[in-house]
PDB file of all heavy atoms in Angstrom:
ATOM      1  N   LEU A   1     -11.367 -34.647  27.466  1.00  0.00           N
ATOM      2  CA  LEU A   1     -11.528 -33.222  27.267  1.00  0.00           C
ATOM      3  C   LEU A   1     -11.475 -32.876  25.786  1.00  0.00           C
ATOM      4  O   LEU A   1     -10.833 -33.565  24.997  1.00  0.00           O
ATOM      5  CB  LEU A   1     -10.418 -32.464  28.014  1.00  0.00           C
ATOM      6  CG  LEU A   1     -10.437 -32.621  29.532  1.00  0.00           C
ATOM      7  CD1 LEU A   1      -9.238 -31.920  30.145  1.00  0.00           C
ATOM      8  CD2 LEU A   1     -11.730 -32.080  30.125  1.00  0.00           C
ATOM      9  N   PRO A   2     -12.119 -31.774  25.386  1.00  0.00           N
ATOM     10  CA  PRO A   2     -12.180 -31.442  23.961  1.00  0.00           C
ATOM     11  C   PRO A   2     -10.825 -31.303  23.298  1.00  0.00           C
ATOM     12  O   PRO A   2     -10.661 -31.696  22.154  1.00  0.00           O
ATOM     13  CB  PRO A   2     -12.942 -30.114  23.953  1.00  0.00           C
ATOM     14  CG  PRO A   2     -13.760 -30.137  25.191  1.00  0.00           C
ATOM     15  CD  PRO A   2     -12.942 -30.888  26.205  1.00  0.00           C
ATOM     16  N   TRP A   3      -9.830 -30.738  23.993  1.00  0.00           N
ATOM     17  CA  TRP A   3      -8.537 -30.537  23.341  1.00  0.00           C
ATOM     18  C   TRP A   3      -7.876 -31.838  22.956  1.00  0.00           C
ATOM     19  O   TRP A   3      -6.989 -31.885  22.117  1.00  0.00           O
ATOM     20  CB  TRP A   3      -7.598 -29.718  24.228  1.00  0.00           C
ATOM     21  CG  TRP A   3      -7.211 -30.370  25.522  1.00  0.00           C
ATOM     22  CD1 TRP A   3      -7.801 -30.191  26.732  1.00  0.00           C
ATOM     23  CD2 TRP A   3      -6.129 -31.289  25.764  1.00  0.00           C
ATOM     24  NE1 TRP A   3      -7.181 -30.946  27.697  1.00  0.00           N
ATOM     25  CE2 TRP A   3      -6.136 -31.615  27.130  1.00  0.00           C
ATOM     26  CE3 TRP A   3      -5.141 -31.872  24.955  1.00  0.00           C
ATOM     27  CZ2 TRP A   3      -5.222 -32.495  27.712  1.00  0.00           C
ATOM     28  CZ3 TRP A   3      -4.230 -32.746  25.526  1.00  0.00           C
ATOM     29  CH2 TRP A   3      -4.277 -33.045  26.891  1.00  0.00           C
ATOM     30  N   MET A   4      -8.309 -32.932  23.578  1.00  0.00           N
ATOM     31  CA  MET A   4      -7.684 -34.213  23.337  1.00  0.00           C
ATOM     32  C   MET A   4      -8.600 -35.209  22.641  1.00  0.00           C
ATOM     33  O   MET A   4      -8.146 -36.061  21.910  1.00  0.00           O
ATOM     34  CB  MET A   4      -7.265 -34.810  24.687  1.00  0.00           C
ATOM     35  CG  MET A   4      -6.407 -36.042  24.601  1.00  0.00           C
ATOM     36  SD  MET A   4      -4.776 -35.707  23.991  1.00  0.00           S
ATOM     37  CE  MET A   4      -3.910 -37.108  24.643  1.00  0.00           C
ATOM     38  N   ALA A   5      -9.872 -35.041  22.853  1.00  0.00           N
ATOM     39  CA  ALA A   5     -10.782 -36.125  22.506  1.00  0.00           C
ATOM     40  C   ALA A   5     -11.274 -36.129  21.077  1.00  0.00           C
ATOM     41  O   ALA A   5     -11.822 -37.114  20.636  1.00  0.00           O
ATOM     42  CB  ALA A   5     -11.984 -36.109  23.442  1.00  0.00           C
ATOM     43  N   SER A   6     -11.145 -35.031  20.373  1.00  0.00           N
ATOM     44  CA  SER A   6     -11.775 -35.062  19.055  1.00  0.00           C
ATOM     45  C   SER A   6     -11.242 -34.016  18.110  1.00  0.00           C
ATOM     46  O   SER A   6     -10.518 -33.112  18.507  1.00  0.00           O
ATOM     47  CB  SER A   6     -13.289 -34.897  19.209  1.00  0.00           C
ATOM     48  OG  SER A   6     -13.565 -33.796  20.019  1.00  0.00           O
ATOM     49  N   LEU A   7     -11.645 -34.174  16.878  1.00  0.00           N
ATOM     50  CA  LEU A   7     -11.248 -33.271  15.816  1.00  0.00           C
ATOM     51  C   LEU A   7     -12.480 -32.770  15.089  1.00  0.00           C
ATOM     52  O   LEU A   7     -13.465 -33.482  14.976  1.00  0.00           O
ATOM     53  CB  LEU A   7     -10.348 -34.008  14.805  1.00  0.00           C
ATOM     54  CG  LEU A   7      -9.091 -34.666  15.396  1.00  0.00           C
ATOM     55  CD1 LEU A   7      -8.450 -35.521  14.333  1.00  0.00           C
ATOM     56  CD2 LEU A   7      -8.131 -33.612  15.883  1.00  0.00           C
ATOM     57  N   ALA A   8     -12.422 -31.555  14.595  1.00  0.00           N
ATOM     58  CA  ALA A   8     -13.556 -31.032  13.833  1.00  0.00           C
ATOM     59  C   ALA A   8     -13.651 -31.750  12.500  1.00  0.00           C
ATOM     60  O   ALA A   8     -12.662 -32.237  11.969  1.00  0.00           O
ATOM     61  CB  ALA A   8     -13.386 -29.529  13.609  1.00  0.00           C
ATOM     62  N   PRO A   9     -14.846 -31.882  11.943  1.00  0.00           N
ATOM     63  CA  PRO A   9     -14.995 -32.537  10.642  1.00  0.00           C
ATOM     64  C   PRO A   9     -14.421 -31.682   9.533  1.00  0.00           C
ATOM     65  O   PRO A   9     -14.216 -30.484   9.694  1.00  0.00           O
ATOM     66  CB  PRO A   9     -16.513 -32.666  10.494  1.00  0.00           C
ATOM     67  CG  PRO A   9     -17.038 -31.519  11.285  1.00  0.00           C
ATOM     68  CD  PRO A   9     -16.103 -31.373  12.456  1.00  0.00           C
ATOM     69  N   ARG A  10     -14.192 -32.342   8.426  1.00  0.00           N
ATOM     70  CA  ARG A  10     -13.734 -31.611   7.249  1.00  0.00           C
ATOM     71  C   ARG A  10     -14.910 -30.923   6.611  1.00  0.00           C
ATOM     72  O   ARG A  10     -15.775 -31.555   6.030  1.00  0.00           O
ATOM     73  CB  ARG A  10     -13.087 -32.592   6.267  1.00  0.00           C
ATOM     74  CG  ARG A  10     -11.820 -33.223   6.794  1.00  0.00           C
ATOM     75  CD  ARG A  10     -11.386 -34.368   5.913  1.00  0.00           C
ATOM     76  NE  ARG A  10     -12.338 -35.458   6.015  1.00  0.00           N
ATOM     77  CZ  ARG A  10     -12.817 -36.096   4.970  1.00  0.00           C
ATOM     78  NH1 ARG A  10     -12.480 -35.738   3.758  1.00  0.00           N
ATOM     79  NH2 ARG A  10     -13.665 -37.082   5.133  1.00  0.00           N
ATOM     80  N   VAL A  11     -14.959 -29.617   6.697  1.00  0.00           N
ATOM     81  CA  VAL A  11     -16.072 -28.849   6.160  1.00  0.00           C
ATOM     82  C   VAL A  11     -15.564 -27.934   5.065  1.00  0.00           C
ATOM     83  O   VAL A  11     -14.681 -27.120   5.284  1.00  0.00           O
ATOM     84  CB  VAL A  11     -16.754 -28.021   7.268  1.00  0.00           C
ATOM     85  CG1 VAL A  11     -17.902 -27.233   6.690  1.00  0.00           C
ATOM     86  CG2 VAL A  11     -17.230 -28.932   8.379  1.00  0.00           C
ATOM     87  N   ALA A  12     -16.117 -28.076   3.892  1.00  0.00           N
ATOM     88  CA  ALA A  12     -15.689 -27.247   2.768  1.00  0.00           C
ATOM     89  C   ALA A  12     -16.289 -25.861   2.871  1.00  0.00           C
ATOM     90  O   ALA A  12     -17.366 -25.668   3.413  1.00  0.00           O
ATOM     91  CB  ALA A  12     -16.125 -27.897   1.451  1.00  0.00           C
ATOM     92  N   GLN A  13     -15.591 -24.881   2.356  1.00  0.00           N
ATOM     93  CA  GLN A  13     -16.092 -23.518   2.350  1.00  0.00           C
ATOM     94  C   GLN A  13     -17.126 -23.325   1.248  1.00  0.00           C
ATOM     95  O   GLN A  13     -18.006 -22.485   1.341  1.00  0.00           O
ATOM     96  CB  GLN A  13     -14.931 -22.527   2.147  1.00  0.00           C
ATOM     97  CG  GLN A  13     -13.906 -22.570   3.266  1.00  0.00           C
ATOM     98  CD  GLN A  13     -14.508 -22.220   4.605  1.00  0.00           C
ATOM     99  OE1 GLN A  13     -15.260 -21.254   4.705  1.00  0.00           O
ATOM    100  NE2 GLN A  13     -14.189 -22.998   5.625  1.00  0.00           N
ATOM    101  N   ALA A  14     -17.004 -24.104   0.204  1.00  0.00           N
ATOM    102  CA  ALA A  14     -17.961 -24.029  -0.900  1.00  0.00           C
ATOM    103  C   ALA A  14     -18.790 -25.302  -0.903  1.00  0.00           C
ATOM    104  O   ALA A  14     -18.713 -26.117  -0.004  1.00  0.00           O
ATOM    105  CB  ALA A  14     -17.216 -23.858  -2.219  1.00  0.00           C
ATOM    106  N   ALA A  15     -19.610 -25.456  -1.928  1.00  0.00           N
ATOM    107  CA  ALA A  15     -20.462 -26.641  -1.999  1.00  0.00           C
ATOM    108  C   ALA A  15     -19.616 -27.902  -2.083  1.00  0.00           C
ATOM    109  O   ALA A  15     -18.505 -27.900  -2.606  1.00  0.00           O
ATOM    110  CB  ALA A  15     -21.367 -26.535  -3.224  1.00  0.00           C
ATOM    111  N   GLY A  16     -20.156 -29.011  -1.549  1.00  0.00           N
ATOM    112  CA  GLY A  16     -19.434 -30.262  -1.577  1.00  0.00           C
ATOM    113  C   GLY A  16     -19.152 -30.708  -2.996  1.00  0.00           C
ATOM    114  O   GLY A  16     -19.902 -30.426  -3.921  1.00  0.00           O
ATOM    115  N   THR A  17     -18.044 -31.419  -3.163  1.00  0.00           N
ATOM    116  CA  THR A  17     -17.654 -31.901  -4.477  1.00  0.00           C
ATOM    117  C   THR A  17     -17.617 -33.419  -4.475  1.00  0.00           C
ATOM    118  O   THR A  17     -17.533 -34.052  -3.429  1.00  0.00           O
ATOM    119  CB  THR A  17     -16.262 -31.360  -4.856  1.00  0.00           C
ATOM    120  OG1 THR A  17     -15.324 -31.782  -3.862  1.00  0.00           O
ATOM    121  CG2 THR A  17     -16.275 -29.849  -4.939  1.00  0.00           C
ATOM    122  N   GLY A  18     -17.638 -33.994  -5.661  1.00  0.00           N
ATOM    123  CA  GLY A  18     -17.565 -35.436  -5.764  1.00  0.00           C
ATOM    124  C   GLY A  18     -18.907 -36.093  -5.486  1.00  0.00           C
ATOM    125  O   GLY A  18     -19.916 -35.442  -5.228  1.00  0.00           O
ATOM    126  N   LYS A  19     -18.929 -37.427  -5.513  1.00  0.00           N
ATOM    127  CA  LYS A  19     -20.143 -38.196  -5.275  1.00  0.00           C
ATOM    128  C   LYS A  19     -20.294 -38.459  -3.787  1.00  0.00           C
ATOM    129  O   LYS A  19     -19.351 -38.893  -3.131  1.00  0.00           O
ATOM    130  CB  LYS A  19     -20.073 -39.516  -6.039  1.00  0.00           C
ATOM    131  CG  LYS A  19     -21.317 -40.368  -5.903  1.00  0.00           C
ATOM    132  CD  LYS A  19     -21.171 -41.657  -6.685  1.00  0.00           C
ATOM    133  CE  LYS A  19     -22.410 -42.534  -6.540  1.00  0.00           C
ATOM    134  NZ  LYS A  19     -22.266 -43.809  -7.278  1.00  0.00           N
ATOM    135  N   PRO A  20     -21.468 -38.205  -3.210  1.00  0.00           N
ATOM    136  CA  PRO A  20     -21.660 -38.461  -1.781  1.00  0.00           C
ATOM    137  C   PRO A  20     -21.373 -39.917  -1.443  1.00  0.00           C
ATOM    138  O   PRO A  20     -21.742 -40.829  -2.199  1.00  0.00           O
ATOM    139  CB  PRO A  20     -23.128 -38.113  -1.551  1.00  0.00           C
ATOM    140  CG  PRO A  20     -23.485 -37.180  -2.654  1.00  0.00           C
ATOM    141  CD  PRO A  20     -22.681 -37.624  -3.835  1.00  0.00           C
ATOM    142  N   PRO A  21     -20.752 -40.174  -0.312  1.00  0.00           N
ATOM    143  CA  PRO A  21     -20.469 -41.551   0.096  1.00  0.00           C
ATOM    144  C   PRO A  21     -21.706 -42.228   0.677  1.00  0.00           C
ATOM    145  O   PRO A  21     -22.668 -41.573   1.060  1.00  0.00           O
ATOM    146  CB  PRO A  21     -19.400 -41.371   1.178  1.00  0.00           C
ATOM    147  CG  PRO A  21     -19.747 -40.039   1.798  1.00  0.00           C
ATOM    148  CD  PRO A  21     -20.242 -39.186   0.653  1.00  0.00           C
ATOM    149  N   VAL A  22     -21.668 -43.534   0.733  1.00  0.00           N
ATOM    150  CA  VAL A  22     -22.733 -44.300   1.381  1.00  0.00           C
ATOM    151  C   VAL A  22     -22.376 -44.480   2.853  1.00  0.00           C
ATOM    152  O   VAL A  22     -21.233 -44.767   3.196  1.00  0.00           O
ATOM    153  CB  VAL A  22     -22.918 -45.671   0.703  1.00  0.00           C
ATOM    154  CG1 VAL A  22     -23.977 -46.497   1.428  1.00  0.00           C
ATOM    155  CG2 VAL A  22     -23.285 -45.492  -0.760  1.00  0.00           C
ATOM    156  N   ARG A  23     -23.372 -44.314   3.729  1.00  0.00           N
ATOM    157  CA  ARG A  23     -23.177 -44.517   5.156  1.00  0.00           C
ATOM    158  C   ARG A  23     -24.075 -45.647   5.630  1.00  0.00           C
ATOM    159  O   ARG A  23     -25.139 -45.890   5.061  1.00  0.00           O
ATOM    160  CB  ARG A  23     -23.537 -43.265   5.969  1.00  0.00           C
ATOM    161  CG  ARG A  23     -22.637 -42.066   5.751  1.00  0.00           C
ATOM    162  CD  ARG A  23     -23.000 -41.299   4.544  1.00  0.00           C
ATOM    163  NE  ARG A  23     -22.661 -39.868   4.645  1.00  0.00           N
ATOM    164  CZ  ARG A  23     -22.996 -38.971   3.748  1.00  0.00           C
ATOM    165  NH1 ARG A  23     -23.703 -39.324   2.689  1.00  0.00           N
ATOM    166  NH2 ARG A  23     -22.656 -37.709   3.908  1.00  0.00           N
ATOM    167  N   SER A  24     -23.661 -46.321   6.700  1.00  0.00           N
ATOM    168  CA  SER A  24     -24.447 -47.412   7.266  1.00  0.00           C
ATOM    169  C   SER A  24     -24.559 -47.259   8.774  1.00  0.00           C
ATOM    170  O   SER A  24     -23.562 -46.983   9.453  1.00  0.00           O
ATOM    171  CB  SER A  24     -23.807 -48.773   6.955  1.00  0.00           C
ATOM    172  OG  SER A  24     -23.915 -49.097   5.585  1.00  0.00           O
ATOM    173  N   ALA A  25     -25.773 -47.444   9.292  1.00  0.00           N
ATOM    174  CA  ALA A  25     -25.998 -47.457  10.731  1.00  0.00           C
ATOM    175  C   ALA A  25     -26.802 -48.697  11.088  1.00  0.00           C
ATOM    176  O   ALA A  25     -27.678 -49.132  10.322  1.00  0.00           O
ATOM    177  CB  ALA A  25     -26.732 -46.200  11.181  1.00  0.00           C
ATOM    178  N   PHE A  26     -26.503 -49.247  12.256  1.00  0.00           N
ATOM    179  CA  PHE A  26     -27.172 -50.447  12.740  1.00  0.00           C
ATOM    180  C   PHE A  26     -27.768 -50.126  14.107  1.00  0.00           C
ATOM    181  O   PHE A  26     -27.037 -49.928  15.080  1.00  0.00           O
ATOM    182  CB  PHE A  26     -26.184 -51.610  12.833  1.00  0.00           C
ATOM    183  CG  PHE A  26     -25.542 -51.965  11.518  1.00  0.00           C
ATOM    184  CD1 PHE A  26     -24.398 -51.299  11.078  1.00  0.00           C
ATOM    185  CD2 PHE A  26     -26.089 -52.949  10.707  1.00  0.00           C
ATOM    186  CE1 PHE A  26     -23.811 -51.611   9.857  1.00  0.00           C
ATOM    187  CE2 PHE A  26     -25.508 -53.272   9.484  1.00  0.00           C
ATOM    188  CZ  PHE A  26     -24.369 -52.592   9.061  1.00  0.00           C
ATOM    189  N   LEU A  27     -29.091 -50.055  14.149  1.00  0.00           N
ATOM    190  CA  LEU A  27     -29.803 -49.675  15.362  1.00  0.00           C
ATOM    191  C   LEU A  27     -30.474 -50.907  15.948  1.00  0.00           C
ATOM    192  O   LEU A  27     -31.252 -51.587  15.273  1.00  0.00           O
ATOM    193  CB  LEU A  27     -30.859 -48.610  15.056  1.00  0.00           C
ATOM    194  CG  LEU A  27     -30.423 -47.428  14.176  1.00  0.00           C
ATOM    195  CD1 LEU A  27     -31.592 -46.466  13.990  1.00  0.00           C
ATOM    196  CD2 LEU A  27     -29.218 -46.708  14.771  1.00  0.00           C
ATOM    197  N   TYR A  28     -30.184 -51.170  17.207  1.00  0.00           N
ATOM    198  CA  TYR A  28     -30.665 -52.391  17.868  1.00  0.00           C
ATOM    199  C   TYR A  28     -31.613 -52.051  19.011  1.00  0.00           C
ATOM    200  O   TYR A  28     -31.352 -51.144  19.800  1.00  0.00           O
ATOM    201  CB  TYR A  28     -29.466 -53.177  18.413  1.00  0.00           C
ATOM    202  CG  TYR A  28     -29.835 -54.229  19.435  1.00  0.00           C
ATOM    203  CD1 TYR A  28     -30.222 -55.505  19.035  1.00  0.00           C
ATOM    204  CD2 TYR A  28     -29.810 -53.948  20.798  1.00  0.00           C
ATOM    205  CE1 TYR A  28     -30.569 -56.476  19.966  1.00  0.00           C
ATOM    206  CE2 TYR A  28     -30.155 -54.918  21.736  1.00  0.00           C
ATOM    207  CZ  TYR A  28     -30.535 -56.167  21.315  1.00  0.00           C
ATOM    208  OH  TYR A  28     -30.883 -57.122  22.236  1.00  0.00           O
ATOM    209  N   PHE A  29     -32.730 -52.774  19.095  1.00  0.00           N
ATOM    210  CA  PHE A  29     -33.587 -52.686  20.276  1.00  0.00           C
ATOM    211  C   PHE A  29     -33.779 -54.096  20.828  1.00  0.00           C
ATOM    212  O   PHE A  29     -33.830 -55.076  20.067  1.00  0.00           O
ATOM    213  CB  PHE A  29     -34.938 -52.032  19.941  1.00  0.00           C
ATOM    214  CG  PHE A  29     -35.785 -52.785  18.959  1.00  0.00           C
ATOM    215  CD1 PHE A  29     -36.748 -53.693  19.379  1.00  0.00           C
ATOM    216  CD2 PHE A  29     -35.642 -52.573  17.589  1.00  0.00           C
ATOM    217  CE1 PHE A  29     -37.535 -54.386  18.469  1.00  0.00           C
ATOM    218  CE2 PHE A  29     -36.435 -53.257  16.667  1.00  0.00           C
ATOM    219  CZ  PHE A  29     -37.378 -54.172  17.109  1.00  0.00           C
ATOM    220  N   PRO A  30     -33.881 -54.259  22.143  1.00  0.00           N
ATOM    221  CA  PRO A  30     -33.937 -55.598  22.736  1.00  0.00           C
ATOM    222  C   PRO A  30     -35.343 -56.176  22.785  1.00  0.00           C
ATOM    223  O   PRO A  30     -36.335 -55.496  22.513  1.00  0.00           O
ATOM    224  CB  PRO A  30     -33.412 -55.351  24.159  1.00  0.00           C
ATOM    225  CG  PRO A  30     -33.882 -53.962  24.475  1.00  0.00           C
ATOM    226  CD  PRO A  30     -33.804 -53.201  23.164  1.00  0.00           C
ATOM    227  N   ASN A  31     -35.403 -57.459  23.106  1.00  0.00           N
ATOM    228  CA  ASN A  31     -36.636 -58.136  23.542  1.00  0.00           C
ATOM    229  C   ASN A  31     -37.659 -58.426  22.455  1.00  0.00           C
ATOM    230  O   ASN A  31     -38.800 -58.778  22.753  1.00  0.00           O
ATOM    231  CB  ASN A  31     -37.312 -57.346  24.671  1.00  0.00           C
ATOM    232  CG  ASN A  31     -36.392 -57.155  25.868  1.00  0.00           C
ATOM    233  OD1 ASN A  31     -35.594 -58.025  26.186  1.00  0.00           O
ATOM    234  ND2 ASN A  31     -36.502 -56.010  26.518  1.00  0.00           N
ATOM    235  N   GLY A  32     -37.287 -58.323  21.178  1.00  0.00           N
ATOM    236  CA  GLY A  32     -38.159 -58.768  20.105  1.00  0.00           C
ATOM    237  C   GLY A  32     -39.434 -57.959  19.929  1.00  0.00           C
ATOM    238  O   GLY A  32     -39.552 -56.832  20.423  1.00  0.00           O
TER     239      GLY A  32
END
């Protein structure tokens, strides 16, 4: 349930500060 399962992201009220982080995603499809 929402009250237990998750938290809201950290969202700034003003523009983001600092250097954006690098993100990585790995997407897999089967069978070549």
